[in-house]
């Protein structure tokens, strides 16, 4: 599902007995933000947060 191949099965099982996906260590910067992972997975399972949006949210909290 991920064109850059940065996702892998995690170590934790969820309540559906499936391994939650996680980003491979050190590969975070390779995400293109295409959102294919969001569209392929059930609603609210995975969501993409833009780094700029995340940093502006942190500034608003302080």
PDB file of N, CA and C in Angstrom:
ATOM      1  N   UNK A   1       0.808  -1.187   0.000  1.00  0.00           N
ATOM      2  CA  UNK A   1       0.000   0.000   0.000  1.00  0.00           C
ATOM      3  C   UNK A   1       0.854   1.254   0.000  1.00  0.00           C
ATOM      4  N   UNK A   2       2.011   1.236   0.634  1.00  0.00           N
ATOM      5  CA  UNK A   2       2.879   2.411   0.704  1.00  0.00           C
ATOM      6  C   UNK A   2       3.864   2.382  -0.469  1.00  0.00           C
ATOM      7  N   UNK A   3       3.827   3.394  -1.346  1.00  0.00           N
ATOM      8  CA  UNK A   3       4.724   3.380  -2.500  1.00  0.00           C
ATOM      9  C   UNK A   3       6.198   3.514  -2.126  1.00  0.00           C
ATOM     10  N   UNK A   4       6.497   4.080  -0.961  1.00  0.00           N
ATOM     11  CA  UNK A   4       7.891   4.224  -0.541  1.00  0.00           C
ATOM     12  C   UNK A   4       8.362   3.050   0.307  1.00  0.00           C
ATOM     13  N   UNK A   5       7.440   2.191   0.743  1.00  0.00           N
ATOM     14  CA  UNK A   5       7.810   1.001   1.515  1.00  0.00           C
ATOM     15  C   UNK A   5       8.294   1.289   2.921  1.00  0.00           C
ATOM     16  N   UNK A   6       7.813   2.374   3.540  1.00  0.00           N
ATOM     17  CA  UNK A   6       8.309   2.716   4.877  1.00  0.00           C
ATOM     18  C   UNK A   6       7.498   2.087   6.004  1.00  0.00           C
ATOM     19  N   UNK A   7       6.372   1.451   5.687  1.00  0.00           N
ATOM     20  CA  UNK A   7       5.559   0.822   6.728  1.00  0.00           C
ATOM     21  C   UNK A   7       5.921  -0.644   6.886  1.00  0.00           C
ATOM     22  N   UNK A   8       5.827  -1.122   8.127  1.00  0.00           N
ATOM     23  CA  UNK A   8       6.065  -2.526   8.425  1.00  0.00           C
ATOM     24  C   UNK A   8       5.120  -2.938   9.545  1.00  0.00           C
ATOM     25  N   UNK A   9       4.855  -4.233   9.687  1.00  0.00           N
ATOM     26  CA  UNK A   9       4.017  -4.673  10.805  1.00  0.00           C
ATOM     27  C   UNK A   9       4.717  -4.385  12.129  1.00  0.00           C
ATOM     28  N   UNK A  10       3.964  -3.878  13.090  1.00  0.00           N
ATOM     29  CA  UNK A  10       4.518  -3.587  14.406  1.00  0.00           C
ATOM     30  C   UNK A  10       4.600  -4.839  15.264  1.00  0.00           C
ATOM     31  N   UNK A  11       4.939  -4.662  16.519  1.00  0.00           N
ATOM     32  CA  UNK A  11       5.077  -5.777  17.452  1.00  0.00           C
ATOM     33  C   UNK A  11       3.830  -6.020  18.284  1.00  0.00           C
ATOM     34  N   UNK A  12       2.876  -5.094  18.257  1.00  0.00           N
ATOM     35  CA  UNK A  12       1.687  -5.196  19.094  1.00  0.00           C
ATOM     36  C   UNK A  12       0.482  -5.660  18.292  1.00  0.00           C
ATOM     37  N   UNK A  13      -0.286  -6.576  18.891  1.00  0.00           N
ATOM     38  CA  UNK A  13      -1.535  -7.021  18.288  1.00  0.00           C
ATOM     39  C   UNK A  13      -2.660  -6.115  18.758  1.00  0.00           C
ATOM     40  N   UNK A  14      -3.598  -5.821  17.854  1.00  0.00           N
ATOM     41  CA  UNK A  14      -4.770  -5.059  18.270  1.00  0.00           C
ATOM     42  C   UNK A  14      -5.898  -6.022  18.611  1.00  0.00           C
ATOM     43  N   UNK A  15      -7.094  -5.498  18.895  1.00  0.00           N
ATOM     44  CA  UNK A  15      -8.197  -6.359  19.310  1.00  0.00           C
ATOM     45  C   UNK A  15      -8.709  -7.243  18.174  1.00  0.00           C
ATOM     46  N   UNK A  16      -8.328  -6.962  16.957  1.00  0.00           N
ATOM     47  CA  UNK A  16      -8.710  -7.805  15.816  1.00  0.00           C
ATOM     48  C   UNK A  16      -7.627  -8.831  15.492  1.00  0.00           C
ATOM     49  N   UNK A  17      -6.685  -8.978  16.375  1.00  0.00           N
ATOM     50  CA  UNK A  17      -5.559  -9.907  16.240  1.00  0.00           C
ATOM     51  C   UNK A  17      -4.793  -9.626  14.947  1.00  0.00           C
ATOM     52  N   UNK A  18      -4.472  -8.367  14.757  1.00  0.00           N
ATOM     53  CA  UNK A  18      -3.668  -7.929  13.621  1.00  0.00           C
ATOM     54  C   UNK A  18      -2.541  -7.053  14.149  1.00  0.00           C
ATOM     55  N   UNK A  19      -1.407  -7.132  13.502  1.00  0.00           N
ATOM     56  CA  UNK A  19      -0.276  -6.298  13.910  1.00  0.00           C
ATOM     57  C   UNK A  19      -0.452  -4.892  13.349  1.00  0.00           C
ATOM     58  N   UNK A  20      -0.385  -3.905  14.226  1.00  0.00           N
ATOM     59  CA  UNK A  20      -0.533  -2.516  13.803  1.00  0.00           C
ATOM     60  C   UNK A  20       0.679  -2.092  12.984  1.00  0.00           C
ATOM     61  N   UNK A  21       0.464  -1.350  11.899  1.00  0.00           N
ATOM     62  CA  UNK A  21       1.605  -0.891  11.103  1.00  0.00           C
ATOM     63  C   UNK A  21       2.386   0.191  11.835  1.00  0.00           C
ATOM     64  N   UNK A  22       3.662   0.256  11.537  1.00  0.00           N
ATOM     65  CA  UNK A  22       4.516   1.304  12.093  1.00  0.00           C
ATOM     66  C   UNK A  22       5.514   1.723  11.029  1.00  0.00           C
ATOM     67  N   UNK A  23       6.065   2.898  11.192  1.00  0.00           N
ATOM     68  CA  UNK A  23       7.072   3.409  10.261  1.00  0.00           C
ATOM     69  C   UNK A  23       8.409   2.771  10.614  1.00  0.00           C
ATOM     70  N   UNK A  24       9.116   2.302   9.599  1.00  0.00           N
ATOM     71  CA  UNK A  24      10.434   1.711   9.826  1.00  0.00           C
ATOM     72  C   UNK A  24      11.366   2.744  10.439  1.00  0.00           C
ATOM     73  N   UNK A  25      12.196   2.301  11.355  1.00  0.00           N
ATOM     74  CA  UNK A  25      13.124   3.198  12.056  1.00  0.00           C
ATOM     75  C   UNK A  25      14.009   3.948  11.066  1.00  0.00           C
ATOM     76  N   UNK A  26      14.066   5.265  11.225  1.00  0.00           N
ATOM     77  CA  UNK A  26      14.909   6.100  10.379  1.00  0.00           C
ATOM     78  C   UNK A  26      14.343   6.420   9.007  1.00  0.00           C
ATOM     79  N   UNK A  27      13.127   5.969   8.716  1.00  0.00           N
ATOM     80  CA  UNK A  27      12.542   6.181   7.385  1.00  0.00           C
ATOM     81  C   UNK A  27      11.452   7.249   7.364  1.00  0.00           C
ATOM     82  N   UNK A  28      11.240   7.943   8.475  1.00  0.00           N
ATOM     83  CA  UNK A  28      10.159   8.921   8.568  1.00  0.00           C
ATOM     84  C   UNK A  28      10.236   9.983   7.479  1.00  0.00           C
ATOM     85  N   UNK A  29      11.425  10.422   7.149  1.00  0.00           N
ATOM     86  CA  UNK A  29      11.591  11.506   6.174  1.00  0.00           C
ATOM     87  C   UNK A  29      11.257  11.077   4.748  1.00  0.00           C
ATOM     88  N   UNK A  30      11.101   9.772   4.497  1.00  0.00           N
ATOM     89  CA  UNK A  30      10.789   9.293   3.155  1.00  0.00           C
ATOM     90  C   UNK A  30       9.296   9.332   2.843  1.00  0.00           C
ATOM     91  N   UNK A  31       8.469   9.644   3.827  1.00  0.00           N
ATOM     92  CA  UNK A  31       7.023   9.726   3.601  1.00  0.00           C
ATOM     93  C   UNK A  31       6.739  10.890   2.657  1.00  0.00           C
ATOM     94  N   UNK A  32       5.975  10.623   1.596  1.00  0.00           N
ATOM     95  CA  UNK A  32       5.646  11.660   0.619  1.00  0.00           C
ATOM     96  C   UNK A  32       4.315  12.340   0.932  1.00  0.00           C
ATOM     97  N   UNK A  33       3.593  11.828   1.915  1.00  0.00           N
ATOM     98  CA  UNK A  33       2.295  12.400   2.264  1.00  0.00           C
ATOM     99  C   UNK A  33       1.203  12.066   1.271  1.00  0.00           C
ATOM    100  N   UNK A  34       1.324  10.960   0.563  1.00  0.00           N
ATOM    101  CA  UNK A  34       0.338  10.590  -0.454  1.00  0.00           C
ATOM    102  C   UNK A  34      -0.989  10.134   0.153  1.00  0.00           C
ATOM    103  N   UNK A  35      -0.972   9.740   1.420  1.00  0.00           N
ATOM    104  CA  UNK A  35      -2.150   9.312   2.178  1.00  0.00           C
ATOM    105  C   UNK A  35      -2.739   7.975   1.722  1.00  0.00           C
ATOM    106  N   UNK A  36      -2.011   7.182   0.952  1.00  0.00           N
ATOM    107  CA  UNK A  36      -2.521   5.873   0.535  1.00  0.00           C
ATOM    108  C   UNK A  36      -2.775   4.972   1.731  1.00  0.00           C
ATOM    109  N   UNK A  37      -1.953   5.094   2.768  1.00  0.00           N
ATOM    110  CA  UNK A  37      -2.155   4.284   3.971  1.00  0.00           C
ATOM    111  C   UNK A  37      -3.481   4.648   4.640  1.00  0.00           C
ATOM    112  N   UNK A  38      -3.831   5.934   4.651  1.00  0.00           N
ATOM    113  CA  UNK A  38      -5.109   6.375   5.231  1.00  0.00           C
ATOM    114  C   UNK A  38      -6.283   5.804   4.447  1.00  0.00           C
ATOM    115  N   UNK A  39      -6.188   5.847   3.130  1.00  0.00           N
ATOM    116  CA  UNK A  39      -7.293   5.391   2.293  1.00  0.00           C
ATOM    117  C   UNK A  39      -7.454   3.874   2.321  1.00  0.00           C
ATOM    118  N   UNK A  40      -6.372   3.137   2.496  1.00  0.00           N
ATOM    119  CA  UNK A  40      -6.424   1.678   2.464  1.00  0.00           C
ATOM    120  C   UNK A  40      -6.880   1.072   3.784  1.00  0.00           C
ATOM    121  N   UNK A  41      -6.635   1.766   4.888  1.00  0.00           N
ATOM    122  CA  UNK A  41      -6.941   1.223   6.216  1.00  0.00           C
ATOM    123  C   UNK A  41      -8.308   1.696   6.702  1.00  0.00           C
ATOM    124  N   UNK A  42      -8.877   0.973   7.683  1.00  0.00           N
ATOM    125  CA  UNK A  42     -10.160   1.407   8.252  1.00  0.00           C
ATOM    126  C   UNK A  42     -10.062   2.824   8.816  1.00  0.00           C
ATOM    127  N   UNK A  43     -11.193   3.486   8.888  1.00  0.00           N
ATOM    128  CA  UNK A  43     -11.241   4.872   9.347  1.00  0.00           C
ATOM    129  C   UNK A  43     -10.590   5.046  10.712  1.00  0.00           C
ATOM    130  N   UNK A  44      -9.784   6.064  10.850  1.00  0.00           N
ATOM    131  CA  UNK A  44      -9.061   6.458  12.063  1.00  0.00           C
ATOM    132  C   UNK A  44      -7.999   5.456  12.499  1.00  0.00           C
ATOM    133  N   UNK A  45      -7.701   4.465  11.678  1.00  0.00           N
ATOM    134  CA  UNK A  45      -6.638   3.503  11.997  1.00  0.00           C
ATOM    135  C   UNK A  45      -5.275   4.159  11.808  1.00  0.00           C
ATOM    136  N   UNK A  46      -5.109   4.857  10.702  1.00  0.00           N
ATOM    137  CA  UNK A  46      -3.870   5.571  10.384  1.00  0.00           C
ATOM    138  C   UNK A  46      -4.265   6.964   9.920  1.00  0.00           C
ATOM    139  N   UNK A  47      -3.516   7.956  10.350  1.00  0.00           N
ATOM    140  CA  UNK A  47      -3.720   9.296   9.821  1.00  0.00           C
ATOM    141  C   UNK A  47      -2.373   9.986   9.704  1.00  0.00           C
ATOM    142  N   UNK A  48      -2.254  10.810   8.680  1.00  0.00           N
ATOM    143  CA  UNK A  48      -1.009  11.504   8.383  1.00  0.00           C
ATOM    144  C   UNK A  48      -1.087  12.910   8.971  1.00  0.00           C
ATOM    145  N   UNK A  49      -0.050  13.296   9.705  1.00  0.00           N
ATOM    146  CA  UNK A  49       0.032  14.639  10.269  1.00  0.00           C
ATOM    147  C   UNK A  49       1.221  15.338   9.631  1.00  0.00           C
ATOM    148  N   UNK A  50       0.958  16.468   9.012  1.00  0.00           N
ATOM    149  CA  UNK A  50       2.014  17.269   8.403  1.00  0.00           C
ATOM    150  C   UNK A  50       2.908  17.826   9.504  1.00  0.00           C
ATOM    151  N   UNK A  51       4.215  17.775   9.328  1.00  0.00           N
ATOM    152  CA  UNK A  51       5.142  18.255  10.354  1.00  0.00           C
ATOM    153  C   UNK A  51       4.935  19.732  10.654  1.00  0.00           C
ATOM    154  N   UNK A  52       4.640  20.548   9.653  1.00  0.00           N
ATOM    155  CA  UNK A  52       4.398  21.973   9.876  1.00  0.00           C
ATOM    156  C   UNK A  52       3.140  22.181  10.711  1.00  0.00           C
ATOM    157  N   UNK A  53       2.105  21.394  10.422  1.00  0.00           N
ATOM    158  CA  UNK A  53       0.857  21.482  11.183  1.00  0.00           C
ATOM    159  C   UNK A  53       1.087  21.066  12.629  1.00  0.00           C
ATOM    160  N   UNK A  54       1.868  20.010  12.820  1.00  0.00           N
ATOM    161  CA  UNK A  54       2.164  19.520  14.164  1.00  0.00           C
ATOM    162  C   UNK A  54       2.927  20.569  14.970  1.00  0.00           C
ATOM    163  N   UNK A  55       3.909  21.225  14.363  1.00  0.00           N
ATOM    164  CA  UNK A  55       4.681  22.231  15.090  1.00  0.00           C
ATOM    165  C   UNK A  55       3.833  23.461  15.403  1.00  0.00           C
ATOM    166  N   UNK A  56       2.899  23.838  14.534  1.00  0.00           N
ATOM    167  CA  UNK A  56       2.027  24.981  14.826  1.00  0.00           C
ATOM    168  C   UNK A  56       1.051  24.646  15.943  1.00  0.00           C
ATOM    169  N   UNK A  57       0.617  23.393  16.031  1.00  0.00           N
ATOM    170  CA  UNK A  57      -0.249  22.968  17.128  1.00  0.00           C
ATOM    171  C   UNK A  57       0.495  23.016  18.448  1.00  0.00           C
ATOM    172  N   UNK A  58       1.758  22.637  18.451  1.00  0.00           N
ATOM    173  CA  UNK A  58       2.563  22.684  19.671  1.00  0.00           C
ATOM    174  C   UNK A  58       2.743  24.127  20.133  1.00  0.00           C
ATOM    175  N   UNK A  59       2.946  25.048  19.198  1.00  0.00           N
ATOM    176  CA  UNK A  59       3.098  26.462  19.547  1.00  0.00           C
ATOM    177  C   UNK A  59       1.807  27.008  20.156  1.00  0.00           C
ATOM    178  N   UNK A  60       0.672  26.556  19.644  1.00  0.00           N
ATOM    179  CA  UNK A  60      -0.613  27.038  20.145  1.00  0.00           C
ATOM    180  C   UNK A  60      -0.873  26.551  21.568  1.00  0.00           C
ATOM    181  N   UNK A  61      -0.341  25.387  21.928  1.00  0.00           N
ATOM    182  CA  UNK A  61      -0.556  24.822  23.260  1.00  0.00           C
ATOM    183  C   UNK A  61       0.229  25.565  24.330  1.00  0.00           C
ATOM    184  N   UNK A  62       1.361  26.170  23.969  1.00  0.00           N
ATOM    185  CA  UNK A  62       2.217  26.805  24.978  1.00  0.00           C
ATOM    186  C   UNK A  62       1.809  28.223  25.269  1.00  0.00           C
TER     187      UNK A  62
END
